[in-house]
C-alpha cells in the first residue's frame, strides 16, 4: 500500500478530487494548510501599509491506495493540479505497512 500526500493550490481541489474518483479511489482526507516553497510569498497592501504574506494558502490531500493504483493516482493528481506556474505544489509517496478498518477489523487492502 502507498500513502500519497499532495500539497496543491486550493482552487484545484475539486479537479484533484474528481481525477482521483475517476481512477477508482474513494476515500481522501483534505486539510487546509499554509506554506511556501520557491515562490516564497508576496507583498500586499492593507490600509496603505505594505506587508509580506509569507505563508500562502494550500490544501493537503492524502490518500492511501493499493500499490497497483499508486501510479495512476499520482498521475491523476499531477495532471489535475498542474497550472504550469510556480507554486503548483508537491506530491509525496510513502509506503504503508498496515491499514485497519476500525469498524470491522479488516486489514490491508480490504481496509481501504
Protein backbone atom coordinates (compact mmCIF):
# COMPACT_ATOMS: atom_id res chain seq x y z
CA UNK A 1 0.00 0.00 0.00
CA UNK A 2 1.06 3.58 -0.64
CA UNK A 3 0.11 6.84 1.01
CA UNK A 4 0.07 9.72 -1.43
CA UNK A 5 0.22 13.19 0.05
CA UNK A 6 -0.21 16.15 -2.27
CA UNK A 7 0.08 19.85 -1.46
CA UNK A 8 -1.91 21.78 -4.07
CA UNK A 9 -3.49 25.16 -4.71
CA UNK A 10 -6.94 25.41 -3.08
CA UNK A 11 -8.81 26.19 -6.31
CA UNK A 12 -7.52 22.90 -7.79
CA UNK A 13 -9.08 20.73 -5.06
CA UNK A 14 -12.27 19.85 -6.95
CA UNK A 15 -10.32 18.84 -10.05
CA UNK A 16 -7.97 16.66 -7.98
CA UNK A 17 -10.90 15.02 -6.17
CA UNK A 18 -12.68 14.24 -9.45
CA UNK A 19 -9.47 12.89 -11.02
CA UNK A 20 -8.95 10.53 -8.06
CA UNK A 21 -12.54 9.33 -8.27
CA UNK A 22 -12.10 8.59 -11.99
CA UNK A 23 -9.07 6.42 -11.15
CA UNK A 24 -11.24 4.47 -8.70
CA UNK A 25 -10.20 5.91 -5.35
CA UNK A 26 -12.97 6.73 -2.93
CA UNK A 27 -11.57 7.93 0.37
CA UNK A 28 -9.45 11.04 0.64
CA UNK A 29 -8.52 13.33 3.50
CA UNK A 30 -8.24 17.07 2.90
CA UNK A 31 -6.59 19.53 5.25
CA UNK A 32 -6.22 23.28 4.88
CA UNK A 33 -2.57 24.25 5.10
CA UNK A 34 -0.30 27.25 4.73
CA UNK A 35 3.21 27.25 3.41
CA UNK A 36 5.63 28.32 0.75
CA UNK A 37 8.28 26.87 -1.48
CA UNK A 38 10.25 28.56 -4.20
CA UNK A 39 7.59 31.19 -4.78
CA UNK A 40 8.29 32.48 -1.23
CA UNK A 41 5.35 34.76 -0.58
CA UNK A 42 4.06 38.01 -1.91
CA UNK A 43 3.57 41.62 -0.85
CA UNK A 44 0.12 43.04 -0.23
CA UNK A 45 -1.24 46.46 0.64
CA UNK A 46 -3.57 46.86 3.61
CA UNK A 47 -4.82 50.32 4.62
CA UNK A 48 -1.91 51.90 2.83
CA UNK A 49 0.73 49.77 4.52
CA UNK A 50 2.73 47.19 2.64
CA UNK A 51 3.29 43.82 4.27
CA UNK A 52 4.67 40.45 3.22
CA UNK A 53 2.48 37.36 3.20
CA UNK A 54 4.99 34.59 3.92
CA UNK A 55 2.63 31.65 4.09
CA UNK A 56 0.32 31.05 1.16
CA UNK A 57 -2.94 29.09 1.42
CA UNK A 58 -2.58 25.47 0.29
CA UNK A 59 -4.58 22.27 0.56
CA UNK A 60 -3.10 18.93 1.63
CA UNK A 61 -4.77 15.91 0.03
CA UNK A 62 -3.99 12.48 1.47
CA UNK A 63 -5.00 9.13 0.03
CA UNK A 64 -3.96 5.54 0.80
CA UNK A 65 -4.28 3.07 -2.05
CA UNK A 66 -3.15 -0.39 -3.15
CA UNK A 67 0.28 -0.47 -4.84
CA UNK A 68 -1.26 -1.19 -8.25
CA UNK A 69 -3.29 2.06 -8.18
CA UNK A 70 -0.49 4.32 -6.92
CA UNK A 71 0.99 5.37 -10.28
CA UNK A 72 -2.46 6.14 -11.74
CA UNK A 73 -3.35 8.19 -8.66
CA UNK A 74 -0.07 10.13 -8.78
CA UNK A 75 -0.54 10.93 -12.45
CA UNK A 76 -4.18 11.93 -11.86
CA UNK A 77 -3.16 14.35 -9.11
CA UNK A 78 -0.25 15.76 -11.13
CA UNK A 79 -2.40 16.38 -14.19
CA UNK A 80 -5.35 17.83 -12.28
CA UNK A 81 -3.29 20.13 -10.04
CA UNK A 82 -0.91 21.46 -12.69
CA UNK A 83 -1.25 25.05 -13.85
CA UNK A 84 2.29 25.40 -15.13
CA UNK A 85 3.01 28.25 -12.75
CA UNK A 86 5.21 28.39 -9.69
CA UNK A 87 3.50 27.14 -6.53
CA UNK A 88 1.58 24.25 -8.12
CA UNK A 89 2.66 22.05 -5.21
CA UNK A 90 4.32 18.75 -4.44
CA UNK A 91 3.43 15.07 -4.26
CA UNK A 92 4.99 12.77 -1.67
CA UNK A 93 4.67 8.98 -1.69
CA UNK A 94 5.10 6.79 1.40
CA UNK A 95 4.99 3.04 1.90
CA UNK A 96 2.29 1.91 4.32
CA UNK A 97 2.91 -1.16 6.44
CA UNK A 98 -0.65 -1.84 7.50
CA UNK A 99 -4.16 -0.40 7.40
CA UNK A 100 -7.00 -1.47 9.67
CA UNK A 101 -10.66 -0.50 9.38
CA UNK A 102 -11.75 0.22 12.95
CA UNK A 103 -15.42 -0.65 12.47
CA UNK A 104 -14.93 -4.16 11.03
CA UNK A 105 -11.34 -5.01 11.91
CA UNK A 106 -10.46 -5.62 8.23
CA UNK A 107 -6.74 -5.48 7.40
CA UNK A 108 -4.63 -4.43 4.43
CA UNK A 109 -6.24 -3.58 1.09
CA UNK A 110 -9.62 -4.74 2.44
CA UNK A 111 -9.49 -1.90 4.97
CA UNK A 112 -9.22 0.69 2.23
